[in-house]
Protein backbone atom coordinates (compact mmCIF):
# COMPACT_ATOMS: atom_id res chain seq x y z
CA PHE A 1 -8.83 -5.38 -7.33
CA GLY A 2 -7.92 -7.23 -10.51
CA LEU A 3 -4.13 -7.35 -10.24
CA GLY A 4 -2.21 -10.29 -11.58
CA ARG A 5 0.40 -12.25 -9.70
CA PRO A 6 3.59 -10.37 -8.69
CA CYS A 7 5.77 -9.67 -11.76
CA GLY A 8 3.59 -12.01 -13.83
CA GLY A 9 0.92 -9.38 -14.32
CA ALA A 10 1.14 -6.97 -11.42
CA GLN A 11 3.69 -4.23 -11.89
CA SER A 12 2.97 -2.30 -8.68
CA LEU A 13 0.52 -1.94 -5.80
CA TRP A 14 0.34 0.85 -3.22
CA VAL A 15 -1.86 1.07 -0.15
CA HIS A 16 -1.99 4.55 1.38
CA VAL A 17 -2.92 5.45 4.95
CA LYS A 18 -4.18 9.03 4.79
CA THR A 19 -5.33 11.68 7.21
CA ARG A 20 -9.01 12.53 7.12
CA LEU A 21 -8.02 15.52 4.97
CA GLY A 22 -6.45 13.20 2.39
CA LYS A 23 -2.73 13.65 3.15
CA THR A 24 -0.69 10.43 2.90
CA ARG A 25 1.15 9.53 6.11
CA TYR A 26 2.09 5.88 5.46
CA PHE A 27 2.09 3.69 2.39
CA ALA A 28 2.82 0.07 1.67
CA GLN A 29 4.41 -0.56 -1.69
CA GLY A 30 4.82 -3.72 -3.71
CA SER A 31 6.67 -3.34 -6.99
CA CYS A 32 8.34 -5.47 -9.61
CA THR A 33 11.99 -4.61 -10.17
CA GLY A 34 13.56 -5.58 -13.46
CA GLY A 35 10.46 -7.58 -14.32
CA VAL A 36 11.46 -10.47 -12.06
CA GLN A 37 11.86 -9.43 -8.39
CA TRP A 38 8.79 -8.48 -6.29
CA ASN A 39 9.80 -6.10 -3.48
CA THR A 40 7.59 -4.89 -0.64
CA ALA A 41 8.08 -2.23 2.02
CA LEU A 42 6.27 0.11 4.39
CA TYR A 43 7.09 3.83 4.34
CA TYR A 44 6.28 6.95 6.38
CA THR A 45 6.16 10.51 5.06
CA ALA A 46 5.90 13.50 7.39
CA THR A 47 5.03 15.90 4.57
CA GLY A 48 2.56 13.76 2.65
CA ASP A 49 4.91 13.69 -0.35
CA THR A 50 6.00 10.16 -1.26
CA GLN A 51 9.36 11.59 -2.37
CA ASP A 52 9.97 12.37 1.33
CA GLN A 53 9.66 8.73 2.38
CA VAL A 54 11.39 6.96 5.26
CA ARG A 55 11.26 3.17 5.44
CA VAL A 56 9.45 1.76 8.47
CA ARG A 57 10.84 -1.44 9.92
CA CYS A 58 8.03 -3.46 11.46
CA ARG A 59 8.20 -7.19 12.04
CA ASP A 60 4.40 -7.60 11.82
CA PHE A 61 3.99 -5.81 8.47
CA GLU A 62 2.73 -8.24 5.81
CA PHE A 63 2.31 -7.87 2.05
CA THR A 64 1.20 -11.14 0.48
CA ARG A 65 -0.97 -12.53 -2.30
CA VAL A 66 -3.55 -15.16 -1.42
CA LYS A 67 -3.11 -17.84 -4.08
CA ALA A 68 -6.60 -19.29 -3.62
CA THR A 69 -8.36 -15.99 -4.42
CA GLY A 70 -5.67 -13.97 -6.19
CA ALA A 71 -6.29 -11.09 -3.78
CA TYR A 72 -3.51 -9.17 -2.11
CA ARG A 73 -3.40 -8.95 1.68
CA ILE A 74 -1.60 -6.04 3.30
CA VAL A 75 -1.35 -5.89 7.10
CA MET A 76 -0.11 -2.68 8.74
CA PRO A 77 -0.60 -3.04 12.50
CA ARG A 78 -1.28 0.21 14.36
CA LYS A 79 1.90 -0.35 16.38
CA CYS A 80 3.78 0.15 13.08
CA LEU A 81 2.02 3.46 12.44
CA ASP A 82 3.27 5.58 15.35
CA ASN A 83 2.59 8.89 13.59
CA ALA A 84 -0.83 8.04 12.17
CA PRO A 85 -3.71 10.14 13.46
CA ASN A 86 -6.61 8.55 15.36
CA ARG A 87 -8.85 8.88 12.30
CA ILE A 88 -7.54 7.61 8.94
CA LYS A 89 -8.61 6.79 5.40
CA VAL A 90 -7.21 3.95 3.30
CA MET A 91 -6.76 3.91 -0.47
CA ALA A 92 -5.19 1.34 -2.82
CA GLU A 93 -3.94 1.71 -6.36
CA GLY A 94 -2.11 -0.62 -8.67
CA ASN A 95 -0.92 -1.33 -12.20
CA ASN A 96 -0.71 -4.44 -14.33
CA TYR A 97 1.86 -4.85 -17.08
CA GLY A 98 0.27 -4.23 -20.46
CA SER A 99 -2.48 -2.01 -19.06
CA ALA A 100 -2.60 1.62 -20.11
CA THR A 101 -4.56 2.60 -17.02
CA GLY A 102 -4.18 1.59 -13.41
CA GLY A 103 -6.91 0.80 -10.93
CA LYS A 104 -7.91 2.44 -7.66
CA ALA A 105 -10.03 1.52 -4.67
CA GLY A 106 -11.00 4.03 -2.00
CA PRO A 107 -10.47 6.17 -0.17
CA THR A 108 -12.55 4.61 2.56
CA ALA A 109 -14.72 6.58 4.90
CA VAL A 110 -12.86 7.78 7.99
CA LEU A 111 -11.81 4.85 10.19
CA ASP A 112 -11.42 5.44 13.93
CA ARG A 113 -8.68 3.92 16.06
CA GLY A 114 -9.75 0.81 17.96
């Protein structure tokens, strides 16, 4: 994906769980606050608008960076996604400090439950 380390290059990273029609239902967010603190969270939106977000508390949610490869690893177990449909798409987007344009990956093809 090409993002730097949290707050040392990476400004923000979002991973969206979307309906097959492209409406966001859940998203994981990692963002640098004040240039020094990396914060992560999982959110749900009933309307598909990220302004209508509600934080999801899930013990098994993970948002980490693998030091050996520099890749980010986001784990959103299905048990955390109670309102996700059976068929979803996943998309990621992020920004590095000093970059005028962000990067995107996805959306994936439709992924079935199970």
